[in-house]
Amino acid sequence: MRIAFDTSRLEGPRTGIHRIVSSLLETSAAMQPDSTHEWIPIQRPDGIRSLAYLLHHLPKLAREAGADLILSPHAWDFPGTSALPVVSMLLDVWPWTHLDMTDPHAARHKILQPFPRRAAGIIHISDFTRREFHELWPECVVRDTVVPMSPGEHFTKEGSMAAEGIPEGEFFLGIASRDPRKNLPFLLDLVPRLNAPLVVVGDAPMEDVSGALHLGPCHDEMLGILYRRAKAFLYPSLYEGFGMPPTEAAKCGCPVLVSDLTSLPEVMGYDFPGMIPLGNGDRWAETANLLLRDDGARRKFIAAGDRVVARYSWRKTFQGIEEFCGTMLENPES
């Protein structure tokens, strides 16, 4: 079986979907000798706008490459028309439930609306996302499965501990994304109660706040150093389809605090010690400060993170995706 894999998301910023596409490409190349399927990366031609690429060029390039099936790594990027079966990865249903349908991306939204009925199969990245999908489209009958994602293999406990721009001394780490789901206001509200500075990375504009340092966007090498150096990673997210950043931090040996919303209990474990309701900001600050001064508490949280990341690997993710794509062609009508 030949799987055409849309890689156009590699052209954009290094977001969660960029990481997924990059990791799938790396894993497919590493596992190709043992795989019974051939993966064919499809790139967007220079000068072609993304909408035209999805509507016309991606299906055409896949056919010309001799593909049997198209794998779309994000439902936002679903090919508009395709004679080949399309398996779409659904990261979350946020675009359908929270975005204004009159915003500048309205044209793409119109394409997205029928995507569940056009897809031959859907890969959800968590049970939470699967439940939300079926609640949103209860009438839709489509073959689907759940394949969890994984933190990147390059995030490890071993590695450099210093880089230009990273402050010396103790600090906590958080994310400042333009995406309102990351809940930056909650993080900044914690700052006066924290006993160490908060270092924030990400693309969101941020006013100067005493006790907080905004580094802006950073590459994965620097992010790995920040994870390894931080006394704790604070992730008060309002909504996740999976939640890659807390698993990345845990893989680097950083104690993690997360909210108890959406997919995070499933991904981190319902008994994860760093899971704290957002309604209890004082407990967030108290727990973070405990991790600053108590080595025993840090060891407990790091061990809990080790148990989380032991469940995930890109080899498992890749094999789950391949297996599902294979069943789509072996039993097309079932």
Protein backbone atom coordinates (compact mmCIF):
# COMPACT_ATOMS: atom_id res chain seq x y z
CA MET A 1 0.00 0.00 0.00
CA ARG A 2 1.22 3.47 -0.86
CA ILE A 3 0.19 6.28 1.50
CA ALA A 4 0.38 9.86 0.23
CA PHE A 5 1.14 12.05 3.22
CA ASP A 6 0.45 15.80 3.12
CA THR A 7 3.50 17.62 4.53
CA SER A 8 2.44 21.21 3.76
CA ARG A 9 2.21 22.04 7.49
CA LEU A 10 6.01 21.92 7.69
CA GLU A 11 6.01 25.29 5.92
CA GLY A 12 4.40 27.08 8.87
CA PRO A 13 5.41 27.84 12.47
CA ARG A 14 6.49 25.00 14.75
CA THR A 15 3.11 24.35 16.34
CA GLY A 16 1.65 21.03 17.49
CA ILE A 17 0.64 20.00 13.97
CA HIS A 18 4.13 20.88 12.69
CA ARG A 19 5.59 18.56 15.33
CA ILE A 20 3.19 15.76 14.37
CA VAL A 21 4.02 15.99 10.66
CA SER A 22 7.76 16.23 11.34
CA SER A 23 7.73 13.25 13.73
CA LEU A 24 5.68 11.13 11.32
CA LEU A 25 8.12 11.86 8.50
CA GLU A 26 11.13 10.98 10.66
CA THR A 27 9.49 7.80 11.96
CA SER A 28 8.32 6.67 8.52
CA ALA A 29 11.87 7.05 7.19
CA ALA A 30 13.32 5.15 10.15
CA MET A 31 10.78 2.31 9.89
CA GLN A 32 10.55 2.08 6.11
CA PRO A 33 12.78 -1.02 5.83
CA ASP A 34 10.43 -2.96 8.14
CA SER A 35 7.17 -1.48 6.87
CA THR A 36 4.83 -3.21 4.47
CA HIS A 37 3.62 0.20 3.25
CA GLU A 38 5.34 2.97 1.33
CA TRP A 39 4.92 6.54 2.56
CA ILE A 40 4.99 9.26 -0.09
CA PRO A 41 5.49 12.82 1.25
CA ILE A 42 3.53 15.37 -0.79
CA GLN A 43 4.77 18.96 -0.71
CA ARG A 44 2.86 22.05 -1.76
CA PRO A 45 4.37 23.43 -5.00
CA ASP A 46 5.92 26.88 -4.82
CA GLY A 47 3.52 29.68 -5.64
CA ILE A 48 0.37 27.63 -4.97
CA ARG A 49 -1.99 29.01 -2.34
CA SER A 50 -3.03 26.60 0.39
CA LEU A 51 -6.70 26.48 -0.59
CA ALA A 52 -5.91 25.69 -4.24
CA TYR A 53 -3.42 23.08 -3.07
CA LEU A 54 -6.02 21.30 -0.94
CA LEU A 55 -8.79 21.51 -3.52
CA HIS A 56 -6.86 20.47 -6.61
CA HIS A 57 -3.12 19.92 -6.35
CA LEU A 58 -2.88 17.52 -3.40
CA PRO A 59 -5.32 14.94 -4.88
CA LYS A 60 -3.67 15.28 -8.31
CA LEU A 61 -0.12 14.88 -6.95
CA ALA A 62 -1.16 11.86 -4.89
CA ARG A 63 -2.68 10.14 -7.94
CA GLU A 64 0.39 10.91 -10.05
CA ALA A 65 2.61 9.38 -7.34
CA GLY A 66 0.63 6.14 -7.55
CA ALA A 67 -0.82 6.44 -4.04
CA ASP A 68 -3.64 4.20 -2.87
CA LEU A 69 -4.75 6.53 -0.08
CA ILE A 70 -4.21 10.09 1.18
CA LEU A 71 -3.39 10.73 4.84
CA SER A 72 -4.36 14.26 5.88
CA PRO A 73 -2.63 15.10 9.20
CA HIS A 74 -5.19 17.74 10.16
CA ALA A 75 -8.92 17.98 9.43
CA TRP A 76 -8.36 21.66 8.60
CA ASP A 77 -6.33 20.44 5.62
CA PHE A 78 -8.87 18.00 4.23
CA PRO A 79 -8.58 17.67 0.41
CA GLY A 80 -11.66 19.23 -1.17
CA THR A 81 -12.07 16.62 -3.90
CA SER A 82 -10.28 13.31 -4.21
CA ALA A 83 -10.90 10.11 -6.14
CA LEU A 84 -8.64 8.37 -3.61
CA PRO A 85 -9.86 7.48 -0.12
CA VAL A 86 -8.79 10.03 2.48
CA VAL A 87 -7.97 9.28 6.10
CA SER A 88 -8.01 12.44 8.20
CA MET A 89 -6.39 12.96 11.58
CA LEU A 90 -8.70 14.90 13.89
CA LEU A 91 -6.70 16.80 16.49
CA ASP A 92 -9.73 18.43 18.12
CA VAL A 93 -13.14 19.92 17.24
CA TRP A 94 -12.30 23.41 18.50
CA PRO A 95 -12.59 25.02 15.01
CA TRP A 96 -16.22 23.91 14.76
CA THR A 97 -17.29 24.67 18.32
CA HIS A 98 -15.44 27.88 19.20
CA LEU A 99 -14.41 29.86 16.11
CA ASP A 100 -16.54 32.56 14.53
CA MET A 101 -17.74 31.27 11.19
CA THR A 102 -17.62 34.82 9.78
CA ASP A 103 -13.89 35.22 10.44
CA PRO A 104 -11.31 35.64 7.60
CA HIS A 105 -10.99 31.84 7.27
CA ALA A 106 -14.64 31.48 6.27
CA ALA A 107 -13.78 29.91 2.92
CA ARG A 108 -11.86 27.13 4.64
CA HIS A 109 -14.68 26.66 7.15
CA LYS A 110 -17.10 26.04 4.28
CA ILE A 111 -14.84 23.27 3.02
CA LEU A 112 -14.54 21.85 6.52
CA GLN A 113 -18.25 21.51 7.12
CA PRO A 114 -18.78 18.30 5.10
CA PHE A 115 -15.40 16.77 5.99
CA PRO A 116 -16.83 14.00 8.25
CA ARG A 117 -19.01 12.75 5.41
CA ARG A 118 -16.18 12.89 2.86
CA ALA A 119 -13.54 11.13 4.92
CA ALA A 120 -13.11 7.40 4.40
CA GLY A 121 -11.75 7.17 7.93
CA ILE A 122 -10.84 9.39 10.87
CA ILE A 123 -7.96 9.01 13.32
CA HIS A 124 -8.65 10.73 16.64
CA ILE A 125 -5.67 11.58 18.83
CA SER A 126 -7.53 10.88 22.09
CA ASP A 127 -10.71 9.25 23.36
CA PHE A 128 -11.82 12.74 24.39
CA THR A 129 -11.61 13.97 20.79
CA ARG A 130 -13.49 10.91 19.57
CA ARG A 131 -16.33 11.54 22.04
CA GLU A 132 -16.53 15.20 21.04
CA PHE A 133 -16.64 14.25 17.36
CA HIS A 134 -19.59 11.89 17.82
CA GLU A 135 -21.41 14.42 20.00
CA LEU A 136 -20.98 17.08 17.31
CA TRP A 137 -21.91 14.82 14.38
CA PRO A 138 -24.15 12.10 15.91
CA GLU A 139 -25.64 11.30 12.51
CA CYS A 140 -22.25 10.70 10.88
CA VAL A 141 -21.32 7.06 10.26
CA VAL A 142 -17.60 6.83 9.58
CA ARG A 143 -14.88 4.34 10.38
CA ASP A 144 -12.65 5.76 13.07
CA THR A 145 -10.06 4.85 15.65
CA VAL A 146 -7.97 6.45 18.40
CA VAL A 147 -4.18 6.70 18.00
CA PRO A 148 -2.48 8.77 20.73
CA MET A 149 0.32 11.12 19.77
CA SER A 150 3.72 11.21 21.47
CA PRO A 151 6.33 13.76 22.57
CA GLY A 152 9.15 14.15 20.08
CA GLU A 153 12.03 11.71 20.35
CA HIS A 154 14.47 14.65 20.58
CA PHE A 155 13.03 15.73 23.95
CA THR A 156 15.19 13.92 26.54
CA LYS A 157 16.55 14.32 30.05
CA GLU A 158 20.08 14.31 28.68
CA GLY A 159 21.39 17.35 26.85
CA SER A 160 22.60 20.88 27.18
CA MET A 161 21.51 22.89 30.20
CA ALA A 162 22.50 26.37 29.01
CA ALA A 163 21.95 28.62 26.00
CA GLU A 164 22.11 32.31 25.23
CA GLY A 165 18.96 34.07 26.42
CA ILE A 166 18.06 31.53 29.11
CA PRO A 167 18.31 33.13 32.55
CA GLU A 168 20.61 31.78 35.22
CA GLY A 169 19.13 30.61 38.48
CA GLU A 170 15.80 29.00 39.27
CA PHE A 171 12.63 29.64 37.27
CA PHE A 172 9.26 28.21 36.29
CA LEU A 173 8.22 27.76 32.65
CA GLY A 174 4.96 28.51 30.83
CA ILE A 175 3.58 29.08 27.32
CA ALA A 176 2.33 32.38 25.89
CA SER A 177 0.44 31.42 22.74
CA ARG A 178 -1.92 33.54 20.68
CA ASP A 179 -4.28 30.61 21.08
CA PRO A 180 -6.62 31.56 23.96
CA ARG A 181 -6.79 27.92 25.01
CA LYS A 182 -3.33 28.16 26.59
CA ASN A 183 -4.78 30.48 29.24
CA LEU A 184 -1.98 33.05 29.52
CA PRO A 185 -4.01 35.37 31.85
CA PHE A 186 -4.15 32.59 34.47
CA LEU A 187 -0.38 32.14 34.28
CA LEU A 188 0.32 35.84 34.71
CA ASP A 189 -2.10 36.00 37.63
CA LEU A 190 0.09 33.39 39.39
CA VAL A 191 3.30 35.42 39.04
CA PRO A 192 3.00 37.50 42.26
CA ARG A 193 2.49 34.28 44.24
CA LEU A 194 5.49 32.42 42.79
CA ASN A 195 8.82 32.35 44.62
CA ALA A 196 10.84 32.28 41.40
CA PRO A 197 10.53 34.09 38.07
CA LEU A 198 8.21 32.74 35.37
CA VAL A 199 9.85 32.30 31.95
CA VAL A 200 7.30 32.34 29.16
CA VAL A 201 7.84 31.14 25.57
CA GLY A 202 5.54 31.54 22.60
CA ASP A 203 4.19 33.91 19.99
CA ALA A 204 1.64 35.85 22.06
CA PRO A 205 2.33 39.56 22.62
CA MET A 206 2.89 40.13 26.32
CA GLU A 207 3.19 43.29 28.36
CA ASP A 208 6.04 43.65 30.82
CA VAL A 209 5.10 41.91 34.04
CA SER A 210 7.32 42.06 37.11
CA GLY A 211 8.55 38.57 37.84
CA ALA A 212 7.96 37.25 34.28
CA LEU A 213 10.37 37.03 31.35
CA HIS A 214 8.96 36.58 27.83
CA LEU A 215 11.47 34.91 25.50
CA GLY A 216 9.13 34.80 22.48
CA PRO A 217 9.04 31.82 20.09
CA CYS A 218 11.94 29.39 20.46
CA HIS A 219 13.25 26.37 18.58
CA ASP A 220 13.03 22.86 19.99
CA GLU A 221 16.66 22.72 21.09
CA MET A 222 16.16 25.75 23.34
CA LEU A 223 12.77 24.46 24.48
CA GLY A 224 14.41 21.21 25.57
CA ILE A 225 16.95 23.17 27.61
CA LEU A 226 14.16 25.19 29.23
CA TYR A 227 12.25 22.02 30.11
CA ARG A 228 15.37 20.49 31.68
CA ARG A 229 16.23 23.66 33.61
CA ALA A 230 12.77 24.69 34.86
CA LYS A 231 11.72 23.82 38.39
CA ALA A 232 8.22 23.12 37.01
CA PHE A 233 6.26 23.49 33.78
CA LEU A 234 2.90 25.21 34.35
CA TYR A 235 0.22 24.36 31.79
CA PRO A 236 -3.23 25.73 32.78
CA SER A 237 -4.84 24.87 29.44
CA LEU A 238 -8.55 25.39 28.88
CA TYR A 239 -8.85 22.88 26.03
CA GLU A 240 -6.66 20.19 24.46
CA GLY A 241 -7.23 17.50 21.88
CA PHE A 242 -4.19 15.70 23.28
CA GLY A 243 -1.68 18.00 25.01
CA MET A 244 1.85 17.62 23.66
CA PRO A 245 3.71 20.24 25.78
CA PRO A 246 3.20 18.58 29.19
CA THR A 247 4.37 15.23 27.79
CA GLU A 248 7.42 16.94 26.25
CA ALA A 249 8.27 18.56 29.59
CA ALA A 250 7.83 15.26 31.45
CA LYS A 251 10.08 13.50 28.92
CA CYS A 252 12.78 16.06 29.74
CA GLY A 253 12.45 15.34 33.46
CA CYS A 254 10.57 18.52 34.35
CA PRO A 255 7.81 18.37 36.99
CA VAL A 256 4.48 19.28 35.39
CA LEU A 257 1.36 21.05 36.63
CA VAL A 258 -1.70 20.81 34.36
CA SER A 259 -5.38 21.63 34.45
CA ASP A 260 -7.95 18.85 34.78
CA LEU A 261 -9.87 19.74 31.61
CA THR A 262 -10.69 18.00 28.31
CA SER A 263 -8.06 15.41 27.25
CA LEU A 264 -5.46 16.13 29.94
CA PRO A 265 -6.71 13.61 32.58
CA GLU A 266 -6.70 10.91 29.89
CA VAL A 267 -3.23 11.81 28.59
CA MET A 268 -1.51 12.44 31.93
CA GLY A 269 -3.45 9.87 33.97
CA TYR A 270 -6.41 10.46 36.23
CA ASP A 271 -4.20 10.07 39.33
CA PHE A 272 -1.43 12.38 38.06
CA PRO A 273 -0.22 14.40 41.10
CA GLY A 274 0.28 17.60 39.12
CA MET A 275 -3.33 17.86 37.95
CA ILE A 276 -4.98 20.86 39.63
CA PRO A 277 -8.38 22.51 38.94
CA LEU A 278 -8.16 26.00 37.50
CA GLY A 279 -10.49 27.28 40.19
CA ASN A 280 -7.71 26.87 42.76
CA GLY A 281 -4.96 29.33 41.81
CA ASP A 282 -3.54 29.30 45.33
CA ARG A 283 -2.95 25.55 45.08
CA TRP A 284 -1.16 26.04 41.76
CA ALA A 285 1.19 28.57 43.36
CA GLU A 286 1.68 26.50 46.52
CA THR A 287 2.50 23.35 44.54
CA ALA A 288 4.92 25.19 42.26
CA ASN A 289 6.70 26.73 45.25
CA LEU A 290 6.87 23.30 46.92
CA LEU A 291 8.67 21.93 43.85
CA LEU A 292 11.10 24.82 44.15
CA ARG A 293 12.28 23.90 47.65
CA ASP A 294 11.43 20.20 48.20
CA ASP A 295 13.64 17.71 46.35
CA GLY A 296 11.47 14.81 47.51
CA ALA A 297 8.39 16.38 45.93
CA ARG A 298 10.34 17.00 42.72
CA ARG A 299 11.40 13.34 42.57
CA LYS A 300 7.77 12.26 43.06
CA PHE A 301 6.55 14.50 40.23
CA ILE A 302 9.39 13.48 37.90
CA ALA A 303 8.64 9.79 38.53
CA ALA A 304 4.95 10.43 37.75
CA GLY A 305 6.00 12.10 34.48
CA ASP A 306 8.21 9.12 33.62
CA ARG A 307 5.19 6.82 33.99
CA VAL A 308 3.20 9.08 31.65
CA VAL A 309 5.73 9.20 28.82
CA ALA A 310 6.45 5.46 29.08
CA ARG A 311 3.01 4.91 27.52
CA TYR A 312 3.83 6.85 24.36
CA SER A 313 6.28 6.57 21.49
CA TRP A 314 6.27 7.63 17.86
CA ARG A 315 6.89 4.03 16.84
CA LYS A 316 3.56 3.07 18.48
CA THR A 317 1.82 6.09 16.93
CA PHE A 318 3.18 5.32 13.46
CA GLN A 319 2.20 1.66 13.70
CA GLY A 320 -1.33 2.57 14.80
CA ILE A 321 -1.77 4.94 11.87
CA GLU A 322 -0.38 2.42 9.38
CA GLU A 323 -2.59 -0.35 10.69
CA PHE A 324 -5.74 1.75 10.39
CA CYS A 325 -4.86 2.95 6.87
CA GLY A 326 -4.23 -0.66 5.87
CA THR A 327 -7.67 -1.77 7.05
CA MET A 328 -9.26 1.03 5.00
CA LEU A 329 -8.00 -0.58 1.80
CA GLU A 330 -8.22 -4.23 2.81
CA ASN A 331 -11.86 -3.92 3.90
CA PRO A 332 -13.16 -0.77 2.16
CA GLU A 333 -16.85 -1.47 2.82
CA SER A 334 -16.71 -2.71 6.42
